[in-house]
Protein backbone atom coordinates (compact mmCIF):
# COMPACT_ATOMS: atom_id res chain seq x y z
CA MET A 1 161.22 78.01 219.55
CA ALA A 2 160.60 78.38 215.53
CA THR A 3 163.37 78.02 212.99
CA THR A 4 164.20 79.64 209.90
CA LEU A 5 165.91 76.92 207.97
CA LYS A 6 169.20 78.01 206.02
CA GLY A 7 170.36 78.71 202.29
CA PRO A 8 170.83 79.11 199.77
CA GLY A 9 173.40 76.05 199.20
CA VAL A 10 174.31 74.56 196.19
CA TYR A 11 175.37 70.92 195.73
CA LEU A 12 178.89 71.25 194.06
CA ALA A 13 178.61 67.62 192.62
CA GLN A 14 177.38 68.69 188.94
CA PHE A 15 179.49 71.86 188.71
CA ALA A 16 183.28 70.69 189.47
CA GLY A 17 185.22 69.74 186.64
CA ASP A 18 188.60 70.17 185.09
CA THR A 19 188.10 73.91 184.03
CA ALA A 20 188.11 77.41 186.15
CA PRO A 21 186.41 78.24 187.89
CA PHE A 22 185.15 74.50 188.87
CA ASP A 23 188.47 72.78 188.97
CA SER A 24 189.94 74.17 192.77
CA TRP A 25 188.38 74.71 196.21
CA ALA A 26 188.83 78.31 196.45
CA ALA A 27 187.58 79.06 192.60
CA ILE A 28 184.32 77.16 192.82
CA THR A 29 183.76 78.62 196.51
CA ARG A 30 184.45 82.01 194.92
CA TRP A 31 181.55 81.35 192.01
CA ALA A 32 179.35 79.99 194.17
CA GLY A 33 179.28 83.46 196.47
CA GLN A 34 179.35 85.32 193.52
CA LYS A 35 176.03 83.24 191.94
CA GLY A 36 174.21 84.25 195.41
CA PHE A 37 174.78 81.08 197.40
CA LYS A 38 175.27 81.58 201.20
CA GLY A 39 176.45 77.36 201.40
CA VAL A 40 178.19 74.59 199.87
CA GLN A 41 177.77 70.92 199.60
CA ILE A 42 180.58 68.88 198.98
CA PRO A 43 180.81 66.01 196.99
CA SER A 44 183.48 64.50 198.82
CA TRP A 45 184.40 61.91 196.18
CA ASP A 46 185.98 64.69 194.14
CA ALA A 47 189.92 65.17 194.97
CA ARG A 48 189.87 68.31 192.59
CA ILE A 49 188.28 70.11 195.12
CA PHE A 50 188.36 67.85 198.45
CA ASP A 51 190.74 65.50 200.18
CA LEU A 52 188.34 62.92 202.02
CA ARG A 53 191.30 61.29 203.88
CA ARG A 54 192.93 64.33 204.86
CA ALA A 55 189.72 65.97 205.98
CA ALA A 56 189.04 62.65 208.61
CA GLU A 57 193.08 63.08 209.50
CA SER A 58 193.66 66.75 209.83
CA LYS A 59 191.46 69.24 211.87
CA THR A 60 193.98 71.86 210.61
CA TYR A 61 192.93 71.06 207.20
CA CYS A 62 189.42 71.06 207.67
CA ASP A 63 189.54 74.76 209.48
CA GLU A 64 191.60 75.96 206.65
CA VAL A 65 188.57 74.51 203.97
CA ALA A 66 186.06 76.26 206.01
CA GLY A 67 187.93 78.96 206.29
CA VAL A 68 188.17 79.12 202.24
CA ALA A 69 184.94 79.07 201.56
CA ARG A 70 183.94 81.40 204.49
CA GLU A 71 186.36 84.05 202.94
CA ASN A 72 183.91 83.68 199.84
CA GLY A 73 181.04 83.87 201.44
CA VAL A 74 180.04 80.45 201.78
CA ALA A 75 179.53 77.64 204.76
CA ILE A 76 179.69 73.68 204.03
CA THR A 77 176.46 72.65 204.59
CA GLU A 78 177.57 69.02 204.08
CA LEU A 79 179.67 66.33 202.72
CA GLY A 80 178.22 64.52 199.90
CA THR A 81 178.85 60.53 199.99
CA HIS A 82 176.93 59.74 197.30
CA LEU A 83 178.91 57.66 195.11
CA GLN A 84 180.40 55.66 197.86
CA GLY A 85 177.18 55.18 199.88
CA GLN A 86 176.24 53.34 196.47
CA LEU A 87 178.96 50.82 196.59
CA VAL A 88 178.06 49.94 200.33
CA ALA A 89 175.64 47.33 198.02
CA VAL A 90 175.86 46.60 194.77
CA HIS A 91 173.88 43.37 193.02
CA PRO A 92 176.12 41.78 190.84
CA ALA A 93 173.88 42.88 187.88
CA TYR A 94 175.61 46.39 188.34
CA ASP A 95 179.31 45.76 189.00
CA GLU A 96 180.62 46.79 186.01
CA ALA A 97 178.52 49.75 185.81
CA PHE A 98 179.02 50.89 189.36
CA ASP A 99 182.79 50.08 188.79
CA SER A 100 183.26 53.27 187.30
CA PHE A 101 182.52 55.16 190.56
CA ALA A 102 185.30 53.62 192.20
CA PRO A 103 189.40 53.50 192.10
CA ASP A 104 191.73 51.44 190.20
CA ALA A 105 192.54 49.00 192.43
CA VAL A 106 189.63 47.27 193.45
CA LYS A 107 187.58 47.50 190.18
CA GLY A 108 186.44 44.11 188.94
CA ASN A 109 186.99 43.08 193.07
CA PRO A 110 183.21 43.54 194.38
CA ALA A 111 184.55 42.55 198.07
CA ALA A 112 187.60 45.03 197.60
CA ARG A 113 185.36 47.79 196.10
CA GLN A 114 182.72 47.08 199.03
CA ALA A 115 185.85 47.56 202.03
CA TRP A 116 186.65 50.46 200.32
CA ALA A 117 183.35 51.70 200.08
CA VAL A 118 182.58 51.08 203.97
CA GLU A 119 186.14 52.86 205.01
CA GLN A 120 184.90 55.97 202.60
CA MET A 121 181.86 56.21 204.68
CA LEU A 122 183.58 55.97 207.88
CA LEU A 123 186.54 58.73 206.99
CA SER A 124 183.26 60.76 205.88
CA ALA A 125 181.98 61.04 209.60
CA LYS A 126 185.16 61.63 210.56
CA ALA A 127 185.47 64.33 208.19
CA SER A 128 182.28 65.36 209.22
CA LEU A 129 183.06 65.79 212.83
CA ASN A 130 186.32 67.67 211.94
CA LEU A 131 184.19 70.21 209.88
CA GLY A 132 181.34 70.12 212.41
CA LEU A 133 178.95 69.14 210.14
CA THR A 134 175.42 67.31 211.68
CA SER A 135 174.39 65.87 208.55
CA ASN A 136 175.95 63.47 205.60
CA VAL A 137 173.81 63.27 202.59
CA SER A 138 174.53 59.74 200.82
CA PHE A 139 173.01 56.64 198.94
CA PRO A 140 171.93 53.22 200.76
CA GLY A 141 173.29 50.87 197.65
CA ALA A 142 170.48 48.35 196.59
CA LEU A 143 170.59 44.86 196.96
CA ALA A 144 166.85 43.93 195.96
CA TRP A 145 166.67 47.01 192.86
CA PRO A 146 166.21 44.41 189.84
CA TYR A 147 163.58 42.44 191.64
CA LEU A 148 161.47 46.11 191.92
CA TYR A 149 158.77 44.87 189.51
CA PRO A 150 157.23 41.00 191.17
CA TRP A 151 157.84 39.30 187.87
CA PRO A 152 158.55 36.47 187.88
CA GLN A 153 157.25 36.52 191.36
CA ARG A 154 159.81 36.89 194.04
CA PRO A 155 160.26 33.66 196.04
CA ALA A 156 159.14 34.59 200.05
CA GLY A 157 161.52 36.14 201.95
CA LEU A 158 164.28 37.40 199.12
CA ILE A 159 163.46 41.02 199.71
CA ASP A 160 163.78 40.56 203.87
CA THR A 161 167.19 39.12 202.64
CA ALA A 162 168.01 41.65 200.65
CA PHE A 163 167.33 44.56 203.69
CA ASP A 164 168.78 42.24 206.19
CA GLU A 165 172.04 42.39 204.20
CA LEU A 166 171.90 45.59 203.68
CA ALA A 167 170.85 46.68 207.79
CA ARG A 168 174.07 44.56 208.21
CA ARG A 169 176.44 46.63 206.10
CA TRP A 170 175.10 49.92 207.22
CA ARG A 171 175.10 49.22 210.97
CA PRO A 172 178.44 49.93 211.98
CA ILE A 173 178.49 53.19 209.72
CA PHE A 174 175.48 54.65 211.37
CA ASP A 175 177.53 53.70 214.90
CA ALA A 176 180.21 56.01 213.61
CA PHE A 177 178.19 58.31 212.76
CA ASP A 178 176.52 58.37 215.83
CA GLU A 179 180.11 58.89 217.83
CA ALA A 180 181.00 61.88 214.91
CA ASN A 181 177.31 63.61 216.54
CA CYS A 182 176.00 63.34 212.29
CA HIS A 183 173.23 61.80 210.74
CA VAL A 184 173.45 59.84 207.72
CA CYS A 185 170.58 61.22 205.21
CA PHE A 186 169.94 58.87 202.63
CA GLU A 187 168.46 60.78 199.29
CA LEU A 188 165.34 58.18 198.37
CA HIS A 189 165.89 57.94 194.86
CA PRO A 190 165.31 54.68 192.11
CA GLY A 191 167.61 52.36 191.89
CA GLU A 192 168.46 52.34 195.37
CA ASP A 193 166.73 49.66 198.00
CA LEU A 194 165.80 53.05 199.70
CA PHE A 195 163.54 55.01 197.16
CA ASP A 196 159.90 55.81 199.28
CA GLY A 197 158.33 55.86 202.50
CA THR A 198 157.49 52.49 202.72
CA THR A 199 161.33 51.38 201.70
CA PHE A 200 162.53 53.46 204.05
CA GLU A 201 160.59 52.05 206.95
CA MET A 202 161.33 48.52 206.22
CA PHE A 203 165.04 49.34 206.61
CA LEU A 204 164.22 51.74 209.40
CA ASP A 205 162.73 48.61 211.21
CA LYS A 206 165.79 46.15 210.23
CA VAL A 207 168.43 48.55 211.99
CA ASP A 208 166.03 49.05 215.08
CA GLN A 209 164.82 52.73 214.50
CA HIS A 210 168.57 53.85 214.60
CA PRO A 211 169.08 57.59 215.46
CA ARG A 212 171.09 58.68 212.40
CA CYS A 213 169.23 56.96 209.58
CA CYS A 214 167.34 59.58 208.05
CA ILE A 215 166.23 61.49 205.09
CA ASN A 216 167.34 63.83 202.30
CA TYR A 217 164.63 65.13 201.16
CA ASP A 218 164.30 65.75 196.93
CA PRO A 219 160.39 66.03 196.03
CA SER A 220 161.64 65.81 192.58
CA HIS A 221 162.20 61.86 192.26
CA PHE A 222 158.63 62.02 194.37
CA VAL A 223 156.84 63.13 191.52
CA LEU A 224 158.69 60.83 189.19
CA GLN A 225 157.38 58.12 191.25
CA GLN A 226 153.83 60.00 191.61
CA LEU A 227 154.08 59.73 195.16
CA ASP A 228 152.54 62.72 197.25
CA TYR A 229 155.41 64.40 197.94
CA LEU A 230 153.98 66.89 200.92
CA ALA A 231 152.15 64.39 202.58
CA PHE A 232 155.71 62.72 203.44
CA ILE A 233 156.91 65.65 205.25
CA ASP A 234 154.13 65.41 207.56
CA ILE A 235 154.71 61.87 207.77
CA TYR A 236 158.99 61.61 208.03
CA HIS A 237 159.37 65.31 209.32
CA SER A 238 161.66 64.22 212.45
CA ARG A 239 163.35 62.26 209.86
CA ILE A 240 164.32 65.12 207.33
CA LYS A 241 167.53 66.17 208.38
CA ALA A 242 169.23 67.27 204.53
CA LEU A 243 167.20 69.20 202.02
CA HIS A 244 167.42 69.19 198.03
CA ILE A 245 165.46 71.55 196.33
CA LYS A 246 165.28 70.28 192.45
CA ASP A 247 162.53 70.47 190.65
CA ALA A 248 160.52 67.61 187.77
CA GLU A 249 157.84 67.19 186.15
CA PHE A 250 155.63 64.56 185.07
CA ARG A 251 153.54 64.33 181.50
CA PRO A 252 152.74 61.17 180.36
CA THR A 253 151.39 60.35 177.07
CA GLY A 254 149.78 57.52 175.40
CA ARG A 255 152.79 56.35 174.22
CA GLN A 256 154.63 56.22 178.08
CA GLY A 257 154.18 56.45 181.57
CA VAL A 258 156.15 56.09 184.77
CA TYR A 259 158.77 53.98 182.97
CA SER A 260 159.18 56.09 179.82
CA GLY A 261 159.97 53.14 177.73
CA TYR A 262 163.75 53.06 177.86
CA ALA A 263 163.43 56.74 176.42
CA PRO A 264 166.70 59.45 176.90
CA TRP A 265 166.19 62.10 179.82
CA VAL A 266 164.53 64.90 177.42
CA ASP A 267 162.27 63.00 176.16
CA ARG A 268 160.98 60.92 179.26
CA ALA A 269 157.71 61.33 180.82
CA GLY A 270 158.97 62.30 183.36
CA ARG A 271 162.23 64.72 183.28
CA PHE A 272 164.41 66.75 185.74
CA ARG A 273 163.73 70.49 185.54
CA SER A 274 165.59 73.57 186.88
CA LEU A 275 163.67 75.29 189.37
CA GLY A 276 160.56 76.55 188.34
CA ASP A 277 160.50 74.83 185.05
CA GLY A 278 159.05 71.52 186.34
CA GLN A 279 155.86 71.34 188.62
CA VAL A 280 157.11 71.28 192.40
CA ASP A 281 155.25 73.14 194.58
CA PHE A 282 157.85 74.69 196.45
CA GLY A 283 155.76 76.72 198.03
CA ALA A 284 154.01 74.56 199.86
CA ILE A 285 157.17 72.60 200.66
CA PHE A 286 158.99 75.37 202.17
CA SER A 287 155.79 76.03 204.22
CA LYS A 288 155.52 72.50 205.28
CA MET A 289 159.33 73.15 206.04
CA ALA A 290 158.60 75.94 208.49
CA ARG A 291 155.61 74.29 210.19
CA HIS A 292 158.04 70.93 210.97
CA ASN A 293 160.73 73.56 212.32
CA TYR A 294 163.19 71.76 210.08
CA PRO A 295 166.38 73.42 211.05
CA GLY A 296 168.92 73.16 208.11
CA TRP A 297 169.76 73.69 204.56
CA ALA A 298 168.06 74.22 201.52
CA VAL A 299 170.51 72.74 198.96
CA LEU A 300 169.87 73.17 195.01
CA GLU A 301 170.50 70.02 193.16
CA TRP A 302 170.85 71.53 189.51
CA GLU A 303 169.90 68.25 187.37
CA CYS A 304 167.83 69.46 184.04
CA CYS A 305 167.51 67.89 180.90
CA LEU A 306 167.37 71.38 178.87
CA LYS A 307 168.84 74.43 180.66
CA HIS A 308 172.42 75.43 180.98
CA PRO A 309 173.62 75.18 184.39
CA GLU A 310 175.25 78.16 184.73
CA ASP A 311 171.87 80.02 184.33
CA GLY A 312 169.91 77.01 186.59
CA ALA A 313 172.40 77.87 189.12
CA ALA A 314 172.03 81.54 188.90
CA GLU A 315 167.97 80.98 188.69
CA GLY A 316 167.70 78.43 191.60
CA ALA A 317 169.70 80.66 194.36
CA ALA A 318 167.21 83.23 193.75
CA PHE A 319 164.15 80.93 193.58
CA ILE A 320 165.56 79.25 197.20
CA ARG A 321 166.34 82.52 198.41
CA ASP A 322 162.62 84.37 197.55
CA HIS A 323 160.84 80.96 198.72
CA ILE A 324 162.65 80.40 202.21
CA ILE A 325 160.18 81.66 204.49
CA ARG A 326 161.38 83.48 207.91
CA VAL A 327 159.23 82.24 210.71
CA THR A 328 157.36 84.36 212.83
CA ASP A 329 157.84 84.63 216.54
CA LYS A 330 154.78 86.14 217.44
CA ALA A 331 151.07 85.05 216.50
CA PHE A 332 149.36 87.45 213.84
CA ASP A 333 146.53 87.85 216.51
CA ASP A 334 148.00 88.72 219.58
CA PHE A 335 147.38 91.77 219.19
CA ALA A 336 143.52 91.18 219.74
CA GLY A 337 144.47 88.99 223.16
CA ALA A 338 144.00 89.97 227.00
CA LYS A 339 145.74 88.35 229.64
CA PRO A 340 144.15 85.01 231.23
CA ASP A 341 141.98 85.29 234.06
CA PRO A 342 140.65 81.99 235.29
CA ALA A 343 137.55 83.29 236.89
CA GLN A 344 136.84 84.74 233.32
CA LEU A 345 137.39 81.31 231.77
CA ARG A 346 135.04 79.40 234.23
CA ARG A 347 132.61 82.09 234.15
CA MET A 348 132.51 81.43 230.21
CA LEU A 349 132.24 77.82 230.28
CA GLY A 350 129.24 78.39 232.95
CA ILE A 351 131.34 76.36 235.51
């Protein structure tokens, strides 16, 4: 049976803050409901609005969190674990930069930081179970990213070794999510070892096609890579279990292209934009999601180098709502059909 996807939802990561209405769970969910959203995706690391450990340990707390959201007109779509997932695998070149994602107690200690990240992911599996969620959006981390461009030449086996280690770290996390009946949905993103379809397949092979290894589809990153983001859906739809709706544009010049010459976001050839301001063909995306019977949420992830986030949120809720396709339960030409007659069928075929 065809399923109409749910939405609009919004990822709260870019909105949570220290001032009202973004500084508490009750206030930010009320804000989301007033903006027209029907769901919220929780940044699980942000203690201002959510206590991950408590959610993992207490079904009562999860019921209370969900209840507050429901009173404000929104449901919880997924937990976001991007920052914790990132720290499951960090190349030493990024140690200091990624220490900002970790608590003070493990900063400067890569092994302790990794152990903390793994524990956080395991807590997220339990919290997802307590909240009744079936998908979790995350990053896989990266060991091979500094060697993305094959110069100097990569020694044979370097990428395989990196992916073997990445799979070793993630397999027990996938198993924990399997016990929680929840998918881990990686956002395929530059800076991660899984950034396109090819790298996702490489990793999937390393984890023996684990059923909980899935995709959080976000077309914006594919526009910036110049990847066919519509064909991607046809290829990987069975693994797409979460959906970020984010716009982007790619406008190369005589001076810069995909790599953008270290330019700041506003001057890059590839830029994230608010919904409707970029180049993504969302009509085609929503049609393909309907065609492949995607049952989950369409969640706005607001990132724009120009527009104010409040405007991006308000416009984004309406944009997603207007693009959701209510799938049909009948064929448009049913009116012209007739009951099957086996004898007629044989006559028509001359047999």
